[in-house]
Amino acid sequence: LMNTVCMIYCTSPYYNTSEHMTSLFL
């Protein structure tokens, strides 16, 4: 799960913001 989240953070042109990632981790 964390590897996939990391992949999203590293490759997504839109979703890799602090706001989106915080919401997802929450």
PDB file of all heavy atoms in Angstrom:
ATOM      1  N   LEU A   1       0.841  -1.204   0.000  1.00  0.00           N
ATOM      2  CA  LEU A   1       0.000   0.000   0.000  1.00  0.00           C
ATOM      3  C   LEU A   1       0.875   1.252   0.000  1.00  0.00           C
ATOM      4  O   LEU A   1       0.672   2.178  -0.798  1.00  0.00           O
ATOM      5  CB  LEU A   1      -0.933  -0.008   1.212  1.00  0.00           C
ATOM      6  CG  LEU A   1      -1.768   1.248   1.452  1.00  0.00           C
ATOM      7  CD1 LEU A   1      -2.751   1.483   0.315  1.00  0.00           C
ATOM      8  CD2 LEU A   1      -2.516   1.129   2.776  1.00  0.00           C
ATOM      9  N   MET A   2       1.864   1.292   0.873  1.00  0.00           N
ATOM     10  CA  MET A   2       2.745   2.463   0.962  1.00  0.00           C
ATOM     11  C   MET A   2       3.582   2.640  -0.310  1.00  0.00           C
ATOM     12  O   MET A   2       3.803   3.765  -0.758  1.00  0.00           O
ATOM     13  CB  MET A   2       3.659   2.369   2.187  1.00  0.00           C
ATOM     14  CG  MET A   2       2.932   2.529   3.512  1.00  0.00           C
ATOM     15  SD  MET A   2       2.105   4.118   3.654  1.00  0.00           S
ATOM     16  CE  MET A   2       0.403   3.604   3.693  1.00  0.00           C
ATOM     17  N   ASN A   3       4.010   1.528  -0.897  1.00  0.00           N
ATOM     18  CA  ASN A   3       4.748   1.623  -2.165  1.00  0.00           C
ATOM     19  C   ASN A   3       3.875   2.231  -3.266  1.00  0.00           C
ATOM     20  O   ASN A   3       4.338   3.047  -4.065  1.00  0.00           O
ATOM     21  CB  ASN A   3       5.259   0.252  -2.611  1.00  0.00           C
ATOM     22  CG  ASN A   3       6.467  -0.188  -1.821  1.00  0.00           C
ATOM     23  OD1 ASN A   3       7.192   0.634  -1.261  1.00  0.00           O
ATOM     24  ND2 ASN A   3       6.684  -1.500  -1.764  1.00  0.00           N
ATOM     25  N   THR A   4       2.613   1.839  -3.283  1.00  0.00           N
ATOM     26  CA  THR A   4       1.696   2.374  -4.288  1.00  0.00           C
ATOM     27  C   THR A   4       1.421   3.848  -4.035  1.00  0.00           C
ATOM     28  O   THR A   4       1.392   4.647  -4.976  1.00  0.00           O
ATOM     29  CB  THR A   4       0.387   1.562  -4.304  1.00  0.00           C
ATOM     30  OG1 THR A   4       0.704   0.179  -4.471  1.00  0.00           O
ATOM     31  CG2 THR A   4      -0.521   2.008  -5.433  1.00  0.00           C
ATOM     32  N   VAL A   5       1.247   4.233  -2.782  1.00  0.00           N
ATOM     33  CA  VAL A   5       1.057   5.644  -2.450  1.00  0.00           C
ATOM     34  C   VAL A   5       2.288   6.441  -2.857  1.00  0.00           C
ATOM     35  O   VAL A   5       2.188   7.538  -3.429  1.00  0.00           O
ATOM     36  CB  VAL A   5       0.736   5.835  -0.948  1.00  0.00           C
ATOM     37  CG1 VAL A   5       0.780   7.301  -0.560  1.00  0.00           C
ATOM     38  CG2 VAL A   5      -0.627   5.233  -0.603  1.00  0.00           C
ATOM     39  N   CYS A   6       3.457   5.894  -2.600  1.00  0.00           N
ATOM     40  CA  CYS A   6       4.712   6.546  -2.990  1.00  0.00           C
ATOM     41  C   CYS A   6       4.793   6.713  -4.502  1.00  0.00           C
ATOM     42  O   CYS A   6       5.179   7.776  -5.011  1.00  0.00           O
ATOM     43  CB  CYS A   6       5.899   5.737  -2.472  1.00  0.00           C
ATOM     44  SG  CYS A   6       7.488   6.478  -2.872  1.00  0.00           S
ATOM     45  N   MET A   7       4.385   5.688  -5.241  1.00  0.00           N
ATOM     46  CA  MET A   7       4.379   5.756  -6.699  1.00  0.00           C
ATOM     47  C   MET A   7       3.447   6.878  -7.173  1.00  0.00           C
ATOM     48  O   MET A   7       3.793   7.654  -8.054  1.00  0.00           O
ATOM     49  CB  MET A   7       3.936   4.409  -7.280  1.00  0.00           C
ATOM     50  CG  MET A   7       3.895   4.341  -8.798  1.00  0.00           C
ATOM     51  SD  MET A   7       2.351   4.848  -9.617  1.00  0.00           S
ATOM     52  CE  MET A   7       1.115   3.827  -8.878  1.00  0.00           C
ATOM     53  N   ILE A   8       2.280   6.987  -6.560  1.00  0.00           N
ATOM     54  CA  ILE A   8       1.339   8.056  -6.915  1.00  0.00           C
ATOM     55  C   ILE A   8       1.968   9.416  -6.644  1.00  0.00           C
ATOM     56  O   ILE A   8       1.937  10.309  -7.488  1.00  0.00           O
ATOM     57  CB  ILE A   8       0.013   7.897  -6.141  1.00  0.00           C
ATOM     58  CG1 ILE A   8      -0.745   6.667  -6.640  1.00  0.00           C
ATOM     59  CG2 ILE A   8      -0.847   9.158  -6.271  1.00  0.00           C
ATOM     60  CD1 ILE A   8      -1.951   6.304  -5.801  1.00  0.00           C
ATOM     61  N   TYR A   9       2.573   9.548  -5.486  1.00  0.00           N
ATOM     62  CA  TYR A   9       3.193  10.822  -5.121  1.00  0.00           C
ATOM     63  C   TYR A   9       4.306  11.200  -6.100  1.00  0.00           C
ATOM     64  O   TYR A   9       4.444  12.353  -6.488  1.00  0.00           O
ATOM     65  CB  TYR A   9       3.741  10.761  -3.693  1.00  0.00           C
ATOM     66  CG  TYR A   9       4.364  12.066  -3.258  1.00  0.00           C
ATOM     67  CD1 TYR A   9       3.555  13.154  -2.920  1.00  0.00           C
ATOM     68  CD2 TYR A   9       5.735  12.221  -3.201  1.00  0.00           C
ATOM     69  CE1 TYR A   9       4.115  14.367  -2.541  1.00  0.00           C
ATOM     70  CE2 TYR A   9       6.305  13.427  -2.823  1.00  0.00           C
ATOM     71  CZ  TYR A   9       5.489  14.497  -2.491  1.00  0.00           C
ATOM     72  OH  TYR A   9       6.043  15.699  -2.124  1.00  0.00           O
ATOM     73  N   CYS A  10       5.083  10.223  -6.505  1.00  0.00           N
ATOM     74  CA  CYS A  10       6.233  10.498  -7.378  1.00  0.00           C
ATOM     75  C   CYS A  10       5.864  10.698  -8.841  1.00  0.00           C
ATOM     76  O   CYS A  10       6.590  11.376  -9.566  1.00  0.00           O
ATOM     77  CB  CYS A  10       7.251   9.356  -7.278  1.00  0.00           C
ATOM     78  SG  CYS A  10       8.032   9.259  -5.664  1.00  0.00           S
ATOM     79  N   THR A  11       4.769  10.120  -9.292  1.00  0.00           N
ATOM     80  CA  THR A  11       4.482  10.151 -10.725  1.00  0.00           C
ATOM     81  C   THR A  11       3.250  10.957 -11.131  1.00  0.00           C
ATOM     82  O   THR A  11       3.165  11.373 -12.282  1.00  0.00           O
ATOM     83  CB  THR A  11       4.329   8.725 -11.281  1.00  0.00           C
ATOM     84  OG1 THR A  11       3.253   8.072 -10.606  1.00  0.00           O
ATOM     85  CG2 THR A  11       5.612   7.939 -11.138  1.00  0.00           C
ATOM     86  N   SER A  12       2.323  11.172 -10.230  1.00  0.00           N
ATOM     87  CA  SER A  12       1.096  11.880 -10.600  1.00  0.00           C
ATOM     88  C   SER A  12       1.353  13.372 -10.795  1.00  0.00           C
ATOM     89  O   SER A  12       1.904  14.031  -9.917  1.00  0.00           O
ATOM     90  CB  SER A  12       0.030  11.703  -9.519  1.00  0.00           C
ATOM     91  OG  SER A  12      -1.081  12.537  -9.795  1.00  0.00           O
ATOM     92  N   PRO A  13       0.935  13.915 -11.928  1.00  0.00           N
ATOM     93  CA  PRO A  13       1.138  15.352 -12.133  1.00  0.00           C
ATOM     94  C   PRO A  13       0.181  16.212 -11.313  1.00  0.00           C
ATOM     95  O   PRO A  13       0.439  17.394 -11.122  1.00  0.00           O
ATOM     96  CB  PRO A  13       0.885  15.526 -13.631  1.00  0.00           C
ATOM     97  CG  PRO A  13       0.083  14.358 -14.046  1.00  0.00           C
ATOM     98  CD  PRO A  13       0.412  13.244 -13.106  1.00  0.00           C
ATOM     99  N   TYR A  14      -0.913  15.624 -10.823  1.00  0.00           N
ATOM    100  CA  TYR A  14      -1.906  16.409 -10.098  1.00  0.00           C
ATOM    101  C   TYR A  14      -2.030  16.020  -8.624  1.00  0.00           C
ATOM    102  O   TYR A  14      -2.227  16.854  -7.766  1.00  0.00           O
ATOM    103  CB  TYR A  14      -3.298  16.257 -10.738  1.00  0.00           C
ATOM    104  CG  TYR A  14      -3.370  16.746 -12.150  1.00  0.00           C
ATOM    105  CD1 TYR A  14      -3.384  15.852 -13.222  1.00  0.00           C
ATOM    106  CD2 TYR A  14      -3.417  18.108 -12.426  1.00  0.00           C
ATOM    107  CE1 TYR A  14      -3.462  16.303 -14.532  1.00  0.00           C
ATOM    108  CE2 TYR A  14      -3.495  18.565 -13.726  1.00  0.00           C
ATOM    109  CZ  TYR A  14      -3.525  17.663 -14.777  1.00  0.00           C
ATOM    110  OH  TYR A  14      -3.598  18.109 -16.053  1.00  0.00           O
ATOM    111  N   TYR A  15      -1.956  14.722  -8.341  1.00  0.00           N
ATOM    112  CA  TYR A  15      -2.289  14.238  -6.997  1.00  0.00           C
ATOM    113  C   TYR A  15      -1.144  14.374  -6.008  1.00  0.00           C
ATOM    114  O   TYR A  15      -1.310  14.162  -4.827  1.00  0.00           O
ATOM    115  CB  TYR A  15      -2.754  12.772  -7.066  1.00  0.00           C
ATOM    116  CG  TYR A  15      -3.645  12.401  -5.912  1.00  0.00           C
ATOM    117  CD1 TYR A  15      -4.978  12.771  -5.915  1.00  0.00           C
ATOM    118  CD2 TYR A  15      -3.154  11.722  -4.820  1.00  0.00           C
ATOM    119  CE1 TYR A  15      -5.800  12.463  -4.858  1.00  0.00           C
ATOM    120  CE2 TYR A  15      -3.968  11.400  -3.752  1.00  0.00           C
ATOM    121  CZ  TYR A  15      -5.291  11.771  -3.778  1.00  0.00           C
ATOM    122  OH  TYR A  15      -6.101  11.466  -2.723  1.00  0.00           O
ATOM    123  N   ASN A  16       0.015  14.776  -6.454  1.00  0.00           N
ATOM    124  CA  ASN A  16       1.194  14.779  -5.590  1.00  0.00           C
ATOM    125  C   ASN A  16       1.324  16.057  -4.752  1.00  0.00           C
ATOM    126  O   ASN A  16       2.422  16.498  -4.468  1.00  0.00           O
ATOM    127  CB  ASN A  16       2.451  14.542  -6.414  1.00  0.00           C
ATOM    128  CG  ASN A  16       2.697  15.650  -7.410  1.00  0.00           C
ATOM    129  OD1 ASN A  16       1.886  16.540  -7.565  1.00  0.00           O
ATOM    130  ND2 ASN A  16       3.818  15.576  -8.098  1.00  0.00           N
ATOM    131  N   THR A  17       0.200  16.613  -4.320  1.00  0.00           N
ATOM    132  CA  THR A  17       0.255  17.793  -3.455  1.00  0.00           C
ATOM    133  C   THR A  17       0.129  17.358  -2.003  1.00  0.00           C
ATOM    134  O   THR A  17      -0.405  16.282  -1.706  1.00  0.00           O
ATOM    135  CB  THR A  17      -0.882  18.779  -3.769  1.00  0.00           C
ATOM    136  OG1 THR A  17      -2.136  18.164  -3.447  1.00  0.00           O
ATOM    137  CG2 THR A  17      -0.868  19.200  -5.234  1.00  0.00           C
ATOM    138  N   SER A  18       0.580  18.198  -1.122  1.00  0.00           N
ATOM    139  CA  SER A  18       0.482  17.922   0.309  1.00  0.00           C
ATOM    140  C   SER A  18      -0.984  17.736   0.719  1.00  0.00           C
ATOM    141  O   SER A  18      -1.316  16.840   1.495  1.00  0.00           O
ATOM    142  CB  SER A  18       1.114  19.081   1.083  1.00  0.00           C
ATOM    143  OG  SER A  18       0.944  18.899   2.448  1.00  0.00           O
ATOM    144  N   GLU A  19      -1.836  18.570   0.175  1.00  0.00           N
ATOM    145  CA  GLU A  19      -3.268  18.507   0.513  1.00  0.00           C
ATOM    146  C   GLU A  19      -3.880  17.158   0.131  1.00  0.00           C
ATOM    147  O   GLU A  19      -4.562  16.518   0.935  1.00  0.00           O
ATOM    148  CB  GLU A  19      -3.995  19.642  -0.223  1.00  0.00           C
ATOM    149  CG  GLU A  19      -5.488  19.654  -0.027  1.00  0.00           C
ATOM    150  CD  GLU A  19      -6.165  20.726  -0.880  1.00  0.00           C
ATOM    151  OE1 GLU A  19      -5.509  21.727  -1.227  1.00  0.00           O
ATOM    152  OE2 GLU A  19      -7.341  20.535  -1.207  1.00  0.00           O
ATOM    153  N   HIS A  20      -3.624  16.705  -1.099  1.00  0.00           N
ATOM    154  CA  HIS A  20      -4.184  15.427  -1.548  1.00  0.00           C
ATOM    155  C   HIS A  20      -3.593  14.254  -0.779  1.00  0.00           C
ATOM    156  O   HIS A  20      -4.323  13.339  -0.383  1.00  0.00           O
ATOM    157  CB  HIS A  20      -3.944  15.218  -3.044  1.00  0.00           C
ATOM    158  CG  HIS A  20      -4.716  16.137  -3.930  1.00  0.00           C
ATOM    159  ND1 HIS A  20      -6.019  16.507  -3.704  1.00  0.00           N
ATOM    160  CD2 HIS A  20      -4.357  16.762  -5.074  1.00  0.00           C
ATOM    161  CE1 HIS A  20      -6.430  17.317  -4.653  1.00  0.00           C
ATOM    162  NE2 HIS A  20      -5.433  17.496  -5.502  1.00  0.00           N
ATOM    163  N   MET A  21      -2.293  14.263  -0.579  1.00  0.00           N
ATOM    164  CA  MET A  21      -1.650  13.142   0.105  1.00  0.00           C
ATOM    165  C   MET A  21      -2.089  13.075   1.574  1.00  0.00           C
ATOM    166  O   MET A  21      -2.321  11.985   2.105  1.00  0.00           O
ATOM    167  CB  MET A  21      -0.130  13.245   0.002  1.00  0.00           C
ATOM    168  CG  MET A  21       0.399  13.133  -1.431  1.00  0.00           C
ATOM    169  SD  MET A  21      -0.199  11.714  -2.370  1.00  0.00           S
ATOM    170  CE  MET A  21       0.624  10.379  -1.559  1.00  0.00           C
ATOM    171  N   THR A  22      -2.222  14.233   2.220  1.00  0.00           N
ATOM    172  CA  THR A  22      -2.689  14.253   3.608  1.00  0.00           C
ATOM    173  C   THR A  22      -4.089  13.681   3.705  1.00  0.00           C
ATOM    174  O   THR A  22      -4.383  12.867   4.588  1.00  0.00           O
ATOM    175  CB  THR A  22      -2.656  15.693   4.169  1.00  0.00           C
ATOM    176  OG1 THR A  22      -1.310  16.172   4.108  1.00  0.00           O
ATOM    177  CG2 THR A  22      -3.165  15.752   5.593  1.00  0.00           C
ATOM    178  N   SER A  23      -4.950  14.076   2.787  1.00  0.00           N
ATOM    179  CA  SER A  23      -6.315  13.562   2.766  1.00  0.00           C
ATOM    180  C   SER A  23      -6.325  12.050   2.579  1.00  0.00           C
ATOM    181  O   SER A  23      -7.058  11.326   3.265  1.00  0.00           O
ATOM    182  CB  SER A  23      -7.094  14.247   1.637  1.00  0.00           C
ATOM    183  OG  SER A  23      -8.378  13.717   1.526  1.00  0.00           O
ATOM    184  N   LEU A  24      -5.497  11.558   1.678  1.00  0.00           N
ATOM    185  CA  LEU A  24      -5.435  10.120   1.435  1.00  0.00           C
ATOM    186  C   LEU A  24      -4.908   9.365   2.652  1.00  0.00           C
ATOM    187  O   LEU A  24      -5.498   8.362   3.079  1.00  0.00           O
ATOM    188  CB  LEU A  24      -4.553   9.836   0.213  1.00  0.00           C
ATOM    189  CG  LEU A  24      -4.388   8.375  -0.165  1.00  0.00           C
ATOM    190  CD1 LEU A  24      -5.736   7.749  -0.509  1.00  0.00           C
ATOM    191  CD2 LEU A  24      -3.425   8.243  -1.343  1.00  0.00           C
ATOM    192  N   PHE A  25      -3.819   9.841   3.247  1.00  0.00           N
ATOM    193  CA  PHE A  25      -3.262   9.175   4.432  1.00  0.00           C
ATOM    194  C   PHE A  25      -4.247   9.202   5.602  1.00  0.00           C
ATOM    195  O   PHE A  25      -4.355   8.236   6.359  1.00  0.00           O
ATOM    196  CB  PHE A  25      -1.933   9.809   4.854  1.00  0.00           C
ATOM    197  CG  PHE A  25      -0.753   9.281   4.092  1.00  0.00           C
ATOM    198  CD1 PHE A  25       0.049  10.131   3.353  1.00  0.00           C
ATOM    199  CD2 PHE A  25      -0.436   7.934   4.107  1.00  0.00           C
ATOM    200  CE1 PHE A  25       1.142   9.647   2.645  1.00  0.00           C
ATOM    201  CE2 PHE A  25       0.644   7.437   3.404  1.00  0.00           C
ATOM    202  CZ  PHE A  25       1.440   8.301   2.659  1.00  0.00           C
ATOM    203  N   LEU A  26      -4.983  10.281   5.736  1.00  0.00           N
ATOM    204  CA  LEU A  26      -5.995  10.375   6.787  1.00  0.00           C
ATOM    205  C   LEU A  26      -7.066   9.301   6.580  1.00  0.00           C
ATOM    206  O   LEU A  26      -7.459   8.604   7.528  1.00  0.00           O
ATOM    207  CB  LEU A  26      -6.628  11.774   6.793  1.00  0.00           C
ATOM    208  CG  LEU A  26      -7.712  12.010   7.835  1.00  0.00           C
ATOM    209  CD1 LEU A  26      -7.117  11.979   9.234  1.00  0.00           C
ATOM    210  CD2 LEU A  26      -8.380  13.349   7.591  1.00  0.00           C
TER     211      LEU A  26
END
